Amino acid sequence: MKTLIIDRFEGSYAICEDKDQKYFGIETAELPKGAKEGDVLEISDEGTLSINAEKTAARRSKIKKLQDKLWE
């Protein structure tokens, strides 16, 4: 299973980053409903995309803590 992070949207594509900091364009029509920037996507061996809500929440929490630390 491969994991990607939605970095941003450009036109009809979601620009996603993998763990090796390589970028991929995925058509927004192929994304799970409700997908947004920062979501962690998992691609199954069959090619199905899904949002991993647990990993997304953990990632957002980690980023929030780093931001808060900057403003201390």
PDB file of N, CA and C in Angstrom:
ATOM      1  N   MET A   1       0.847  -1.178   0.000  1.00  0.00           N
ATOM      2  CA  MET A   1       0.000   0.000   0.000  1.00  0.00           C
ATOM      3  C   MET A   1       0.891   1.240   0.000  1.00  0.00           C
ATOM      4  N   LYS A   2       0.554   2.192  -0.838  1.00  0.00           N
ATOM      5  CA  LYS A   2       1.319   3.421  -0.959  1.00  0.00           C
ATOM      6  C   LYS A   2       0.566   4.554  -0.262  1.00  0.00           C
ATOM      7  N   THR A   3       1.299   5.464   0.346  1.00  0.00           N
ATOM      8  CA  THR A   3       0.706   6.598   1.043  1.00  0.00           C
ATOM      9  C   THR A   3       1.141   7.894   0.378  1.00  0.00           C
ATOM     10  N   LEU A   4       0.182   8.798   0.170  1.00  0.00           N
ATOM     11  CA  LEU A   4       0.442  10.116  -0.400  1.00  0.00           C
ATOM     12  C   LEU A   4      -0.225  11.176   0.461  1.00  0.00           C
ATOM     13  N   ILE A   5       0.307  12.383   0.410  1.00  0.00           N
ATOM     14  CA  ILE A   5      -0.289  13.537   1.091  1.00  0.00           C
ATOM     15  C   ILE A   5      -0.742  14.513   0.005  1.00  0.00           C
ATOM     16  N   ILE A   6      -1.971  15.003   0.119  1.00  0.00           N
ATOM     17  CA  ILE A   6      -2.430  16.017  -0.844  1.00  0.00           C
ATOM     18  C   ILE A   6      -1.765  17.336  -0.467  1.00  0.00           C
ATOM     19  N   ASP A   7      -0.899  17.819  -1.337  1.00  0.00           N
ATOM     20  CA  ASP A   7      -0.163  19.056  -1.103  1.00  0.00           C
ATOM     21  C   ASP A   7      -0.987  20.279  -1.491  1.00  0.00           C
ATOM     22  N   ARG A   8      -1.604  20.202  -2.670  1.00  0.00           N
ATOM     23  CA  ARG A   8      -2.381  21.347  -3.166  1.00  0.00           C
ATOM     24  C   ARG A   8      -3.225  20.902  -4.358  1.00  0.00           C
ATOM     25  N   PHE A   9      -4.090  21.810  -4.787  1.00  0.00           N
ATOM     26  CA  PHE A   9      -4.904  21.566  -5.976  1.00  0.00           C
ATOM     27  C   PHE A   9      -4.504  22.560  -7.052  1.00  0.00           C
ATOM     28  N   GLU A  10      -4.349  22.064  -8.256  1.00  0.00           N
ATOM     29  CA  GLU A  10      -4.050  22.911  -9.417  1.00  0.00           C
ATOM     30  C   GLU A  10      -5.003  22.510 -10.531  1.00  0.00           C
ATOM     31  N   GLY A  11      -5.946  23.371 -10.814  1.00  0.00           N
ATOM     32  CA  GLY A  11      -6.942  23.060 -11.841  1.00  0.00           C
ATOM     33  C   GLY A  11      -7.724  21.818 -11.460  1.00  0.00           C
ATOM     34  N   SER A  12      -7.729  20.842 -12.333  1.00  0.00           N
ATOM     35  CA  SER A  12      -8.491  19.619 -12.067  1.00  0.00           C
ATOM     36  C   SER A  12      -7.609  18.506 -11.488  1.00  0.00           C
ATOM     37  N   TYR A  13      -6.462  18.889 -10.936  1.00  0.00           N
ATOM     38  CA  TYR A  13      -5.543  17.907 -10.366  1.00  0.00           C
ATOM     39  C   TYR A  13      -5.234  18.202  -8.908  1.00  0.00           C
ATOM     40  N   ALA A  14      -5.051  17.119  -8.152  1.00  0.00           N
ATOM     41  CA  ALA A  14      -4.524  17.212  -6.799  1.00  0.00           C
ATOM     42  C   ALA A  14      -3.052  16.854  -6.909  1.00  0.00           C
ATOM     43  N   ILE A  15      -2.192  17.734  -6.426  1.00  0.00           N
ATOM     44  CA  ILE A  15      -0.755  17.471  -6.438  1.00  0.00           C
ATOM     45  C   ILE A  15      -0.429  16.813  -5.096  1.00  0.00           C
ATOM     46  N   CYS A  16       0.058  15.568  -5.177  1.00  0.00           N
ATOM     47  CA  CYS A  16       0.296  14.764  -3.987  1.00  0.00           C
ATOM     48  C   CYS A  16       1.777  14.449  -3.853  1.00  0.00           C
ATOM     49  N   GLU A  17       2.225  14.306  -2.613  1.00  0.00           N
ATOM     50  CA  GLU A  17       3.626  14.028  -2.328  1.00  0.00           C
ATOM     51  C   GLU A  17       3.742  12.685  -1.625  1.00  0.00           C
ATOM     52  N   ASP A  18       4.770  11.910  -1.987  1.00  0.00           N
ATOM     53  CA  ASP A  18       4.996  10.641  -1.308  1.00  0.00           C
ATOM     54  C   ASP A  18       6.115  10.795  -0.274  1.00  0.00           C
ATOM     55  N   LYS A  19       6.469   9.706   0.386  1.00  0.00           N
ATOM     56  CA  LYS A  19       7.469   9.763   1.461  1.00  0.00           C
ATOM     57  C   LYS A  19       8.852  10.143   0.946  1.00  0.00           C
ATOM     58  N   ASP A  20       9.111   9.961  -0.339  1.00  0.00           N
ATOM     59  CA  ASP A  20      10.398  10.302  -0.935  1.00  0.00           C
ATOM     60  C   ASP A  20      10.407  11.716  -1.515  1.00  0.00           C
ATOM     61  N   GLN A  21       9.395  12.491  -1.196  1.00  0.00           N
ATOM     62  CA  GLN A  21       9.204  13.861  -1.665  1.00  0.00           C
ATOM     63  C   GLN A  21       9.100  13.946  -3.189  1.00  0.00           C
ATOM     64  N   LYS A  22       8.491  12.924  -3.781  1.00  0.00           N
ATOM     65  CA  LYS A  22       8.173  12.944  -5.205  1.00  0.00           C
ATOM     66  C   LYS A  22       6.718  13.363  -5.339  1.00  0.00           C
ATOM     67  N   TYR A  23       6.419  14.124  -6.381  1.00  0.00           N
ATOM     68  CA  TYR A  23       5.077  14.646  -6.575  1.00  0.00           C
ATOM     69  C   TYR A  23       4.349  13.917  -7.696  1.00  0.00           C
ATOM     70  N   PHE A  24       3.045  13.778  -7.502  1.00  0.00           N
ATOM     71  CA  PHE A  24       2.181  13.096  -8.460  1.00  0.00           C
ATOM     72  C   PHE A  24       0.918  13.924  -8.645  1.00  0.00           C
ATOM     73  N   GLY A  25       0.410  13.977  -9.861  1.00  0.00           N
ATOM     74  CA  GLY A  25      -0.863  14.631 -10.130  1.00  0.00           C
ATOM     75  C   GLY A  25      -1.955  13.585 -10.257  1.00  0.00           C
ATOM     76  N   ILE A  26      -3.010  13.756  -9.483  1.00  0.00           N
ATOM     77  CA  ILE A  26      -4.155  12.846  -9.541  1.00  0.00           C
ATOM     78  C   ILE A  26      -5.385  13.689  -9.870  1.00  0.00           C
ATOM     79  N   GLU A  27      -6.141  13.254 -10.852  1.00  0.00           N
ATOM     80  CA  GLU A  27      -7.348  14.005 -11.211  1.00  0.00           C
ATOM     81  C   GLU A  27      -8.292  14.048 -10.010  1.00  0.00           C
ATOM     82  N   THR A  28      -8.876  15.214  -9.772  1.00  0.00           N
ATOM     83  CA  THR A  28      -9.750  15.380  -8.613  1.00  0.00           C
ATOM     84  C   THR A  28     -10.958  14.454  -8.685  1.00  0.00           C
ATOM     85  N   ALA A  29     -11.389  14.087  -9.873  1.00  0.00           N
ATOM     86  CA  ALA A  29     -12.528  13.174 -10.031  1.00  0.00           C
ATOM     87  C   ALA A  29     -12.211  11.782  -9.470  1.00  0.00           C
ATOM     88  N   GLU A  30     -10.929  11.432  -9.394  1.00  0.00           N
ATOM     89  CA  GLU A  30     -10.523  10.125  -8.886  1.00  0.00           C
ATOM     90  C   GLU A  30     -10.372  10.098  -7.360  1.00  0.00           C
ATOM     91  N   LEU A  31     -10.363  11.273  -6.733  1.00  0.00           N
ATOM     92  CA  LEU A  31     -10.170  11.349  -5.278  1.00  0.00           C
ATOM     93  C   LEU A  31     -11.427  10.930  -4.529  1.00  0.00           C
ATOM     94  N   PRO A  32     -11.255  10.444  -3.299  1.00  0.00           N
ATOM     95  CA  PRO A  32     -12.432  10.160  -2.472  1.00  0.00           C
ATOM     96  C   PRO A  32     -13.197  11.462  -2.203  1.00  0.00           C
ATOM     97  N   LYS A  33     -14.483  11.349  -2.052  1.00  0.00           N
ATOM     98  CA  LYS A  33     -15.327  12.516  -1.794  1.00  0.00           C
ATOM     99  C   LYS A  33     -14.872  13.217  -0.519  1.00  0.00           C
ATOM    100  N   GLY A  34     -14.759  14.536  -0.594  1.00  0.00           N
ATOM    101  CA  GLY A  34     -14.382  15.328   0.569  1.00  0.00           C
ATOM    102  C   GLY A  34     -12.885  15.472   0.784  1.00  0.00           C
ATOM    103  N   ALA A  35     -12.070  14.942  -0.111  1.00  0.00           N
ATOM    104  CA  ALA A  35     -10.622  15.040   0.041  1.00  0.00           C
ATOM    105  C   ALA A  35     -10.188  16.500  -0.042  1.00  0.00           C
ATOM    106  N   LYS A  36      -9.245  16.875   0.829  1.00  0.00           N
ATOM    107  CA  LYS A  36      -8.766  18.256   0.855  1.00  0.00           C
ATOM    108  C   LYS A  36      -7.266  18.291   1.118  1.00  0.00           C
ATOM    109  N   GLU A  37      -6.691  19.481   0.994  1.00  0.00           N
ATOM    110  CA  GLU A  37      -5.254  19.642   1.202  1.00  0.00           C
ATOM    111  C   GLU A  37      -4.858  19.118   2.580  1.00  0.00           C
ATOM    112  N   GLY A  38      -3.749  18.401   2.625  1.00  0.00           N
ATOM    113  CA  GLY A  38      -3.249  17.871   3.887  1.00  0.00           C
ATOM    114  C   GLY A  38      -3.739  16.480   4.216  1.00  0.00           C
ATOM    115  N   ASP A  39      -4.737  15.987   3.490  1.00  0.00           N
ATOM    116  CA  ASP A  39      -5.249  14.640   3.762  1.00  0.00           C
ATOM    117  C   ASP A  39      -4.217  13.585   3.372  1.00  0.00           C
ATOM    118  N   VAL A  40      -4.190  12.513   4.158  1.00  0.00           N
ATOM    119  CA  VAL A  40      -3.322  11.381   3.860  1.00  0.00           C
ATOM    120  C   VAL A  40      -4.144  10.385   3.048  1.00  0.00           C
ATOM    121  N   LEU A  41      -3.674  10.113   1.829  1.00  0.00           N
ATOM    122  CA  LEU A  41      -4.342   9.159   0.952  1.00  0.00           C
ATOM    123  C   LEU A  41      -3.585   7.844   0.962  1.00  0.00           C
ATOM    124  N   GLU A  42      -4.331   6.769   0.938  1.00  0.00           N
ATOM    125  CA  GLU A  42      -3.725   5.457   0.804  1.00  0.00           C
ATOM    126  C   GLU A  42      -4.205   4.852  -0.508  1.00  0.00           C
ATOM    127  N   ILE A  43      -3.265   4.271  -1.236  1.00  0.00           N
ATOM    128  CA  ILE A  43      -3.586   3.605  -2.498  1.00  0.00           C
ATOM    129  C   ILE A  43      -3.411   2.116  -2.281  1.00  0.00           C
ATOM    130  N   SER A  44      -4.513   1.383  -2.409  1.00  0.00           N
ATOM    131  CA  SER A  44      -4.456  -0.068  -2.221  1.00  0.00           C
ATOM    132  C   SER A  44      -3.730  -0.720  -3.395  1.00  0.00           C
ATOM    133  N   ASP A  45      -3.418  -1.989  -3.253  1.00  0.00           N
ATOM    134  CA  ASP A  45      -2.752  -2.724  -4.324  1.00  0.00           C
ATOM    135  C   ASP A  45      -3.616  -2.784  -5.587  1.00  0.00           C
ATOM    136  N   GLU A  46      -4.945  -2.645  -5.418  1.00  0.00           N
ATOM    137  CA  GLU A  46      -5.868  -2.650  -6.554  1.00  0.00           C
ATOM    138  C   GLU A  46      -6.006  -1.269  -7.180  1.00  0.00           C
ATOM    139  N   GLY A  47      -5.403  -0.232  -6.550  1.00  0.00           N
ATOM    140  CA  GLY A  47      -5.474   1.125  -7.083  1.00  0.00           C
ATOM    141  C   GLY A  47      -6.577   1.979  -6.504  1.00  0.00           C
ATOM    142  N   THR A  48      -7.261   1.489  -5.476  1.00  0.00           N
ATOM    143  CA  THR A  48      -8.338   2.248  -4.845  1.00  0.00           C
ATOM    144  C   THR A  48      -7.760   3.299  -3.902  1.00  0.00           C
ATOM    145  N   LEU A  49      -8.265   4.534  -4.009  1.00  0.00           N
ATOM    146  CA  LEU A  49      -7.831   5.619  -3.134  1.00  0.00           C
ATOM    147  C   LEU A  49      -8.776   5.755  -1.954  1.00  0.00           C
ATOM    148  N   SER A  50      -8.205   5.956  -0.769  1.00  0.00           N
ATOM    149  CA  SER A  50      -9.026   6.217   0.416  1.00  0.00           C
ATOM    150  C   SER A  50      -8.289   7.192   1.315  1.00  0.00           C
ATOM    151  N   ILE A  51      -9.055   7.943   2.094  1.00  0.00           N
ATOM    152  CA  ILE A  51      -8.476   8.884   3.055  1.00  0.00           C
ATOM    153  C   ILE A  51      -8.269   8.140   4.363  1.00  0.00           C
ATOM    154  N   ASN A  52      -7.057   8.237   4.918  1.00  0.00           N
ATOM    155  CA  ASN A  52      -6.788   7.656   6.221  1.00  0.00           C
ATOM    156  C   ASN A  52      -6.990   8.770   7.246  1.00  0.00           C
ATOM    157  N   ALA A  53      -8.169   8.790   7.864  1.00  0.00           N
ATOM    158  CA  ALA A  53      -8.536   9.867   8.789  1.00  0.00           C
ATOM    159  C   ALA A  53      -7.625   9.891  10.018  1.00  0.00           C
ATOM    160  N   GLU A  54      -7.217   8.720  10.485  1.00  0.00           N
ATOM    161  CA  GLU A  54      -6.345   8.645  11.665  1.00  0.00           C
ATOM    162  C   GLU A  54      -4.984   9.289  11.400  1.00  0.00           C
ATOM    163  N   LYS A  55      -4.371   8.920  10.284  1.00  0.00           N
ATOM    164  CA  LYS A  55      -3.059   9.479   9.938  1.00  0.00           C
ATOM    165  C   LYS A  55      -3.165  10.964   9.616  1.00  0.00           C
ATOM    166  N   THR A  56      -4.269  11.369   8.996  1.00  0.00           N
ATOM    167  CA  THR A  56      -4.480  12.783   8.686  1.00  0.00           C
ATOM    168  C   THR A  56      -4.566  13.590   9.970  1.00  0.00           C
ATOM    169  N   ALA A  57      -5.352  13.113  10.940  1.00  0.00           N
ATOM    170  CA  ALA A  57      -5.503  13.820  12.219  1.00  0.00           C
ATOM    171  C   ALA A  57      -4.171  13.894  12.957  1.00  0.00           C
ATOM    172  N   ALA A  58      -3.408  12.804  12.969  1.00  0.00           N
ATOM    173  CA  ALA A  58      -2.114  12.781  13.655  1.00  0.00           C
ATOM    174  C   ALA A  58      -1.149  13.771  12.992  1.00  0.00           C
ATOM    175  N   ARG A  59      -1.167  13.808  11.673  1.00  0.00           N
ATOM    176  CA  ARG A  59      -0.289  14.728  10.945  1.00  0.00           C
ATOM    177  C   ARG A  59      -0.665  16.183  11.220  1.00  0.00           C
ATOM    178  N   ARG A  60      -1.950  16.479  11.215  1.00  0.00           N
ATOM    179  CA  ARG A  60      -2.406  17.854  11.496  1.00  0.00           C
ATOM    180  C   ARG A  60      -2.061  18.267  12.922  1.00  0.00           C
ATOM    181  N   SER A  61      -2.195  17.338  13.863  1.00  0.00           N
ATOM    182  CA  SER A  61      -1.856  17.616  15.257  1.00  0.00           C
ATOM    183  C   SER A  61      -0.369  17.923  15.401  1.00  0.00           C
ATOM    184  N   LYS A  62       0.460  17.134  14.740  1.00  0.00           N
ATOM    185  CA  LYS A  62       1.905  17.337  14.800  1.00  0.00           C
ATOM    186  C   LYS A  62       2.279  18.712  14.233  1.00  0.00           C
ATOM    187  N   ILE A  63       1.680  19.073  13.092  1.00  0.00           N
ATOM    188  CA  ILE A  63       1.959  20.363  12.460  1.00  0.00           C
ATOM    189  C   ILE A  63       1.492  21.502  13.355  1.00  0.00           C
ATOM    190  N   LYS A  64       0.325  21.341  13.982  1.00  0.00           N
ATOM    191  CA  LYS A  64      -0.204  22.378  14.887  1.00  0.00           C
ATOM    192  C   LYS A  64       0.740  22.598  16.057  1.00  0.00           C
ATOM    193  N   LYS A  65       1.261  21.517  16.625  1.00  0.00           N
ATOM    194  CA  LYS A  65       2.204  21.636  17.750  1.00  0.00           C
ATOM    195  C   LYS A  65       3.471  22.366  17.323  1.00  0.00           C
ATOM    196  N   LEU A  66       3.967  22.057  16.124  1.00  0.00           N
ATOM    197  CA  LEU A  66       5.153  22.752  15.617  1.00  0.00           C
ATOM    198  C   LEU A  66       4.879  24.243  15.416  1.00  0.00           C
ATOM    199  N   GLN A  67       3.702  24.577  14.905  1.00  0.00           N
ATOM    200  CA  GLN A  67       3.340  25.980  14.708  1.00  0.00           C
ATOM    201  C   GLN A  67       3.233  26.702  16.048  1.00  0.00           C
ATOM    202  N   ASP A  68       2.581  26.055  17.016  1.00  0.00           N
ATOM    203  CA  ASP A  68       2.431  26.657  18.342  1.00  0.00           C
ATOM    204  C   ASP A  68       3.776  26.903  18.992  1.00  0.00           C
ATOM    205  N   LYS A  69       4.703  25.970  18.781  1.00  0.00           N
ATOM    206  CA  LYS A  69       6.045  26.088  19.350  1.00  0.00           C
ATOM    207  C   LYS A  69       6.775  27.303  18.766  1.00  0.00           C
ATOM    208  N   LEU A  70       6.533  27.592  17.500  1.00  0.00           N
ATOM    209  CA  LEU A  70       7.161  28.747  16.867  1.00  0.00           C
ATOM    210  C   LEU A  70       6.713  30.072  17.503  1.00  0.00           C
ATOM    211  N   TRP A  71       5.491  30.099  17.994  1.00  0.00           N
ATOM    212  CA  TRP A  71       4.919  31.348  18.519  1.00  0.00           C
ATOM    213  C   TRP A  71       5.075  31.488  20.018  1.00  0.00           C
ATOM    214  N   GLU A  72       5.773  30.565  20.670  1.00  0.00           N
ATOM    215  CA  GLU A  72       5.972  30.673  22.120  1.00  0.00           C
ATOM    216  C   GLU A  72       6.921  31.781  22.462  1.00  0.00           C
TER     217      GLU A  72
END
